[in-house]
Amino acid sequence: MTQNILVVGGAGYVGSHVSKALAGQGYLPVVFDDLSAGHEWAVQWGPLEVGRLADRDTLRMAMEKHRPAAVMHFAGLITVGESVADPSKYYRHNVIDTLVLLDVMREAGIKKIVFSSSAAVYGAPETTPIPENHPLCPTNPYGETKLMVERILHDYAVAYDIQSVSLRYFNAAGADPDIEIGEAHDPETHLIPLVLEAALGTREEIKIFGTDYPTHDGSCIRDYVHVSDLADAHVAALKYLANKEASIAGVFNLGNGAGFSVKEVIATAQQVTGYDISVSVADRRAGDPAILVADSTKARAELGWTPRFESLDQQVLHAWNWLKKSP
């Protein structure tokens, strides 16, 4: 019998790719989204229930109608700079609304949830690559909200037997290799699509914020993980929870374990697209660490997760194919 999975925020970038991966593994993804940042065209593999996470009644009706076996939670605000400028908005949407979701789950008897967390819970790294037991010291309200939800999930596992997995992404990148869905943020803040927009000519130039970091070429290094690989990890996490009987609140890093610099991303984009990209240099942004790279050993060992698209060339190519086609 097909299991329904409630994908909260499933019309967004990662959520839509997870919905496709769920359908490919025999689940029915039921998307719950207010479409404030997501897109109706990204909901292709199951029904869409339009509603706000803060609206307890609408959420309750969706759960009663579809009776999901588990929840995947992607709904939340993600822009670091905005979280610093307007922290109230972030604590309200990312933390308080998640409490609504968890309490409606309790009422409905749903005991399993996979949460979209972030490497932002670590803050400035003390070691590289970063393991899950690294100190948790977020440097902005966005990271704080992700860490708060992780701690709430731990407490809910102990008190209410709600089993959870929190997946700490590093830098999501790329797009569906079949070009059915992809990244479409407004405004866009991720480096690879910004660089590709500069290649396409819809953006005048790309700025490199700092070229004096202690890295091999002076620009920041980040760990890019393909969004379809992230999707596979979510399905693996769901299966992991299905095999657990005792309460659990697991956390896993998701990254490639290798980093690429800003300059390497630009060079790769020029090679993939065949276009020159106009570049300018600006001062460092406050709070940008030189290197952020994941240690994903635990996810590979315990979830059985193996990324399929580890090369930067593949990630940029898939993002480029999507950008040329995107609505």
Protein backbone atom coordinates (compact mmCIF):
# COMPACT_ATOMS: atom_id res chain seq x y z
CA MET A 1 0.00 0.00 0.00
CA THR A 2 1.36 3.42 -0.98
CA GLN A 3 2.31 5.61 1.97
CA ASN A 4 1.39 9.28 1.90
CA ILE A 5 4.13 11.67 3.03
CA LEU A 6 3.21 15.26 3.91
CA VAL A 7 5.87 17.50 2.35
CA VAL A 8 5.55 20.86 4.08
CA GLY A 9 7.12 23.49 1.84
CA GLY A 10 7.16 21.00 -1.02
CA ALA A 11 6.71 23.64 -3.73
CA GLY A 12 10.18 25.04 -3.02
CA TYR A 13 13.62 24.19 -4.34
CA VAL A 14 14.64 21.25 -2.14
CA GLY A 15 11.09 20.18 -1.27
CA SER A 16 10.10 19.70 -4.91
CA HIS A 17 13.17 17.57 -5.61
CA VAL A 18 12.39 15.49 -2.54
CA SER A 19 8.81 15.04 -3.78
CA LYS A 20 10.14 13.65 -7.05
CA ALA A 21 12.49 11.31 -5.19
CA LEU A 22 9.65 10.11 -2.93
CA ALA A 23 7.45 9.35 -5.94
CA GLY A 24 10.32 7.46 -7.52
CA GLN A 25 10.51 5.25 -4.42
CA GLY A 26 6.79 4.46 -4.39
CA TYR A 27 5.53 7.08 -1.91
CA LEU A 28 2.83 9.67 -2.61
CA PRO A 29 4.11 13.15 -1.74
CA VAL A 30 1.31 15.43 -0.52
CA VAL A 31 2.58 19.00 -0.70
CA PHE A 32 1.42 21.55 1.87
CA ASP A 33 2.61 25.02 0.87
CA ASP A 34 1.36 28.60 0.95
CA LEU A 35 3.15 29.33 -2.37
CA SER A 36 4.69 32.51 -0.92
CA ALA A 37 8.13 31.34 -2.02
CA GLY A 38 7.35 28.05 -3.75
CA HIS A 39 5.81 27.48 -7.17
CA GLU A 40 2.72 25.58 -8.23
CA TRP A 41 4.56 24.32 -11.33
CA ALA A 42 7.01 22.52 -9.03
CA VAL A 43 4.25 20.29 -7.61
CA GLN A 44 4.11 17.45 -10.13
CA TRP A 45 4.09 14.16 -8.24
CA GLY A 46 1.11 14.40 -5.91
CA PRO A 47 -1.68 16.63 -4.62
CA LEU A 48 -1.18 20.21 -3.45
CA GLU A 49 -2.86 21.56 -0.33
CA VAL A 50 -2.49 25.35 -0.17
CA GLY A 51 -2.24 26.75 3.32
CA ARG A 52 -0.06 28.55 5.84
CA LEU A 53 1.81 26.53 8.42
CA ALA A 54 0.55 28.87 11.13
CA ASP A 55 -3.07 28.01 10.20
CA ARG A 56 -3.69 25.11 12.53
CA ASP A 57 -7.14 24.28 11.13
CA THR A 58 -6.01 24.08 7.49
CA LEU A 59 -3.04 21.95 8.48
CA ARG A 60 -5.24 19.67 10.57
CA MET A 61 -7.68 19.20 7.67
CA ALA A 62 -4.82 18.29 5.32
CA MET A 63 -3.59 15.65 7.75
CA GLU A 64 -7.08 14.26 8.30
CA LYS A 65 -7.70 14.12 4.54
CA HIS A 66 -4.44 12.43 3.52
CA ARG A 67 -3.41 10.60 6.72
CA PRO A 68 0.34 10.78 6.08
CA ALA A 69 2.69 8.20 7.54
CA ALA A 70 5.33 10.88 8.11
CA VAL A 71 6.10 14.56 7.58
CA MET A 72 9.00 16.24 5.80
CA HIS A 73 9.48 19.85 6.85
CA PHE A 74 11.02 22.39 4.42
CA ALA A 75 8.83 25.41 5.15
CA GLY A 76 10.92 28.25 6.50
CA LEU A 77 12.77 31.43 5.71
CA ILE A 78 16.36 31.01 4.55
CA THR A 79 18.08 34.35 3.93
CA VAL A 80 20.81 35.04 6.47
CA GLY A 81 20.98 38.80 5.91
CA GLU A 82 17.23 39.19 6.24
CA SER A 83 17.29 37.20 9.48
CA VAL A 84 19.73 39.73 10.94
CA ALA A 85 17.62 42.68 9.77
CA ASP A 86 14.27 41.18 10.86
CA PRO A 87 14.81 38.43 13.46
CA SER A 88 11.19 38.55 14.65
CA LYS A 89 10.03 37.32 11.26
CA TYR A 90 12.46 34.39 11.40
CA TYR A 91 11.68 33.26 14.94
CA ARG A 92 7.96 33.45 14.18
CA HIS A 93 8.03 31.55 10.89
CA ASN A 94 10.84 29.08 11.56
CA VAL A 95 10.23 28.27 15.23
CA ILE A 96 6.68 29.14 16.26
CA ASP A 97 5.14 27.76 13.05
CA THR A 98 7.14 24.54 13.51
CA LEU A 99 5.61 24.16 16.98
CA VAL A 100 2.17 24.38 15.33
CA LEU A 101 3.18 21.64 12.90
CA LEU A 102 4.50 19.37 15.64
CA ASP A 103 1.43 19.82 17.82
CA VAL A 104 -0.96 19.07 14.94
CA MET A 105 1.15 15.99 14.21
CA ARG A 106 0.69 14.91 17.82
CA GLU A 107 -3.08 15.36 17.54
CA ALA A 108 -3.11 13.29 14.34
CA GLY A 109 -0.91 10.56 15.81
CA ILE A 110 1.91 11.12 13.30
CA LYS A 111 5.19 10.13 14.91
CA LYS A 112 7.89 10.64 12.27
CA ILE A 113 9.38 13.82 10.80
CA VAL A 114 12.41 14.66 8.66
CA PHE A 115 13.55 18.25 9.20
CA SER A 116 15.46 20.48 6.78
CA SER A 117 18.21 21.93 8.97
CA SER A 118 21.40 23.72 8.00
CA ALA A 119 25.16 23.90 8.48
CA ALA A 120 24.41 27.38 9.86
CA VAL A 121 23.94 25.69 13.27
CA TYR A 122 27.74 25.40 13.54
CA GLY A 123 28.68 29.04 13.04
CA ALA A 124 32.37 29.72 12.42
CA PRO A 125 34.11 26.33 12.17
CA GLU A 126 36.79 25.32 14.65
CA THR A 127 37.77 22.30 12.55
CA THR A 128 37.45 21.35 8.87
CA PRO A 129 35.74 19.21 7.70
CA ILE A 130 32.94 19.78 10.21
CA PRO A 131 31.52 16.70 12.03
CA GLU A 132 28.11 16.54 13.70
CA ASN A 133 29.66 16.82 17.18
CA HIS A 134 31.29 20.16 16.35
CA PRO A 135 30.26 22.95 18.79
CA LEU A 136 26.94 24.54 17.86
CA CYS A 137 27.41 28.33 17.81
CA PRO A 138 25.19 29.99 15.18
CA THR A 139 26.25 33.50 14.18
CA ASN A 140 22.86 34.76 12.93
CA PRO A 141 19.14 34.38 13.71
CA TYR A 142 18.63 32.03 10.75
CA GLY A 143 21.10 29.54 12.22
CA GLU A 144 19.64 30.04 15.68
CA THR A 145 16.15 29.12 14.45
CA LYS A 146 17.42 25.92 12.86
CA LEU A 147 19.21 24.95 16.06
CA MET A 148 16.14 25.77 18.16
CA VAL A 149 14.00 23.43 16.06
CA GLU A 150 16.61 20.66 16.38
CA ARG A 151 16.47 21.07 20.17
CA ILE A 152 12.67 21.09 20.13
CA LEU A 153 12.70 17.85 18.14
CA HIS A 154 15.01 16.28 20.70
CA ASP A 155 12.64 17.24 23.51
CA TYR A 156 9.61 16.02 21.56
CA ALA A 157 11.31 12.67 21.00
CA VAL A 158 11.83 12.26 24.74
CA ALA A 159 8.42 13.53 25.85
CA TYR A 160 6.09 12.52 23.03
CA ASP A 161 7.93 9.75 21.14
CA ILE A 162 8.05 11.79 17.93
CA GLN A 163 10.96 10.35 15.98
CA SER A 164 12.96 12.78 13.88
CA VAL A 165 15.97 13.20 11.66
CA SER A 166 17.48 16.66 11.14
CA LEU A 167 19.55 16.98 7.98
CA ARG A 168 22.18 19.71 8.10
CA TYR A 169 22.71 20.83 4.51
CA PHE A 170 25.79 22.60 3.36
CA ASN A 171 25.36 24.39 -0.01
CA ALA A 172 22.50 23.00 -2.09
CA ALA A 173 23.31 23.21 -5.79
CA GLY A 174 22.26 22.03 -9.23
CA ALA A 175 18.86 21.03 -10.54
CA ASP A 176 16.89 17.96 -11.54
CA PRO A 177 18.93 16.19 -14.27
CA ASP A 178 15.69 15.63 -16.22
CA ILE A 179 15.12 19.43 -16.17
CA GLU A 180 11.59 19.04 -14.77
CA ILE A 181 12.24 21.30 -11.77
CA GLY A 182 15.02 23.51 -10.47
CA GLU A 183 16.01 26.55 -8.45
CA ALA A 184 13.85 29.69 -8.69
CA HIS A 185 14.31 32.00 -5.72
CA ASP A 186 13.24 35.65 -5.68
CA PRO A 187 15.56 37.22 -4.84
CA GLU A 188 18.25 34.71 -5.70
CA THR A 189 21.10 34.53 -3.19
CA HIS A 190 22.91 31.29 -4.09
CA LEU A 191 26.25 31.60 -5.85
CA ILE A 192 25.87 29.12 -8.72
CA PRO A 193 22.60 30.53 -10.15
CA LEU A 194 23.93 34.08 -9.69
CA VAL A 195 27.06 33.19 -11.66
CA LEU A 196 24.97 31.53 -14.36
CA GLU A 197 22.70 34.56 -14.61
CA ALA A 198 25.83 36.61 -15.27
CA ALA A 199 26.79 34.13 -17.99
CA LEU A 200 23.31 34.34 -19.52
CA GLY A 201 23.41 38.14 -19.45
CA THR A 202 20.45 38.65 -17.13
CA ARG A 203 22.87 39.85 -14.44
CA GLU A 204 25.54 42.42 -15.21
CA GLU A 205 28.34 40.86 -13.20
CA ILE A 206 29.22 38.62 -10.29
CA LYS A 207 30.90 40.00 -7.20
CA ILE A 208 33.58 38.12 -5.31
CA PHE A 209 33.35 39.18 -1.68
CA GLY A 210 36.95 38.98 -0.52
CA THR A 211 40.03 37.66 -2.28
CA ASP A 212 42.34 37.71 0.73
CA TYR A 213 41.12 34.63 2.60
CA PRO A 214 43.65 31.97 3.70
CA THR A 215 42.68 29.63 0.84
CA HIS A 216 44.57 28.49 -2.25
CA ASP A 217 43.18 31.32 -4.41
CA GLY A 218 42.09 33.83 -1.77
CA SER A 219 38.32 33.33 -2.21
CA CYS A 220 35.92 31.50 0.12
CA ILE A 221 35.54 27.73 -0.14
CA ARG A 222 32.16 26.04 0.24
CA ASP A 223 30.89 22.45 0.08
CA TYR A 224 28.31 22.12 -2.73
CA VAL A 225 25.89 19.18 -2.63
CA HIS A 226 23.57 18.41 -5.53
CA VAL A 227 19.90 18.96 -4.74
CA SER A 228 18.99 15.52 -6.14
CA ASP A 229 21.53 13.99 -3.75
CA LEU A 230 19.88 15.92 -0.93
CA ALA A 231 16.57 14.46 -2.06
CA ASP A 232 17.96 10.93 -1.96
CA ALA A 233 19.19 11.56 1.59
CA HIS A 234 15.69 12.57 2.70
CA VAL A 235 14.21 9.34 1.38
CA ALA A 236 17.02 7.44 3.11
CA ALA A 237 16.23 9.30 6.35
CA LEU A 238 12.56 8.35 6.05
CA LYS A 239 13.49 4.68 5.68
CA TYR A 240 15.91 5.03 8.59
CA LEU A 241 13.08 6.26 10.81
CA ALA A 242 10.79 3.46 9.62
CA ASN A 243 13.29 0.93 10.98
CA LYS A 244 13.57 2.58 14.42
CA GLU A 245 11.30 1.59 17.28
CA ALA A 246 12.66 3.69 20.15
CA SER A 247 12.56 7.48 20.31
CA ILE A 248 15.28 9.13 18.29
CA ALA A 249 16.31 12.63 17.26
CA GLY A 250 19.14 12.01 14.82
CA VAL A 251 21.27 14.63 13.07
CA PHE A 252 23.29 14.17 9.90
CA ASN A 253 25.49 16.42 7.79
CA LEU A 254 24.88 16.44 4.04
CA GLY A 255 27.81 17.57 1.92
CA ASN A 256 30.37 16.23 -0.49
CA GLY A 257 33.29 16.51 1.90
CA ALA A 258 35.16 18.56 -0.69
CA GLY A 259 35.04 22.29 -1.18
CA PHE A 260 35.25 24.61 -4.17
CA SER A 261 36.23 28.26 -4.09
CA VAL A 262 34.19 31.14 -5.49
CA LYS A 263 36.79 31.57 -8.23
CA GLU A 264 36.57 27.85 -9.10
CA VAL A 265 32.77 28.10 -9.39
CA ILE A 266 33.13 31.04 -11.79
CA ALA A 267 35.76 29.25 -13.87
CA THR A 268 33.63 26.11 -14.04
CA ALA A 269 30.59 28.13 -15.11
CA GLN A 270 32.60 29.77 -17.90
CA GLN A 271 33.77 26.36 -19.08
CA VAL A 272 30.29 24.77 -18.93
CA THR A 273 28.44 27.66 -20.61
CA GLY A 274 31.13 28.81 -23.03
CA TYR A 275 30.44 32.43 -22.02
CA ASP A 276 32.70 34.99 -20.41
CA ILE A 277 31.50 36.21 -17.03
CA SER A 278 32.10 39.74 -15.83
CA VAL A 279 33.61 39.73 -12.33
CA SER A 280 34.25 42.45 -9.78
CA VAL A 281 35.87 42.28 -6.34
CA ALA A 282 34.30 43.64 -3.18
CA ASP A 283 35.27 43.63 0.49
CA ARG A 284 34.66 40.59 2.63
CA ARG A 285 31.17 40.21 4.06
CA ALA A 286 31.03 40.21 7.85
CA GLY A 287 30.79 36.72 9.28
CA ASP A 288 31.82 34.78 6.15
CA PRO A 289 34.15 31.94 7.20
CA ALA A 290 37.02 31.13 4.84
CA ILE A 291 36.14 27.43 4.55
CA LEU A 292 32.94 25.46 5.20
CA VAL A 293 33.22 21.78 4.34
CA ALA A 294 31.15 18.89 5.73
CA ASP A 295 32.18 15.60 7.22
CA SER A 296 29.30 13.43 5.96
CA THR A 297 30.75 10.09 7.09
CA LYS A 298 27.83 9.48 9.44
CA ALA A 299 25.16 9.93 6.74
CA ARG A 300 27.02 7.61 4.39
CA ALA A 301 27.41 4.95 7.09
CA GLU A 302 24.05 5.09 8.90
CA LEU A 303 21.69 6.26 6.14
CA GLY A 304 23.48 4.38 3.36
CA TRP A 305 23.64 7.65 1.45
CA THR A 306 25.93 7.90 -1.56
CA PRO A 307 25.90 11.13 -3.58
CA ARG A 308 25.58 10.62 -7.34
CA PHE A 309 26.57 14.09 -8.54
CA GLU A 310 29.67 15.08 -6.60
CA SER A 311 31.52 16.93 -9.34
CA LEU A 312 31.15 20.69 -9.62
CA ASP A 313 30.92 20.31 -13.41
CA GLN A 314 27.76 18.20 -13.09
CA GLN A 315 26.16 20.53 -10.58
CA VAL A 316 26.81 23.61 -12.70
CA LEU A 317 25.72 21.87 -15.91
CA HIS A 318 22.40 20.78 -14.43
CA ALA A 319 21.78 24.26 -13.02
CA TRP A 320 22.64 25.77 -16.43
CA ASN A 321 20.29 23.41 -18.28
CA TRP A 322 17.50 24.39 -15.90
CA LEU A 323 18.20 28.13 -16.12
CA LYS A 324 17.93 28.03 -19.92
CA LYS A 325 14.57 26.26 -19.69
CA SER A 326 13.11 27.68 -16.48
CA PRO A 327 9.68 29.38 -16.47
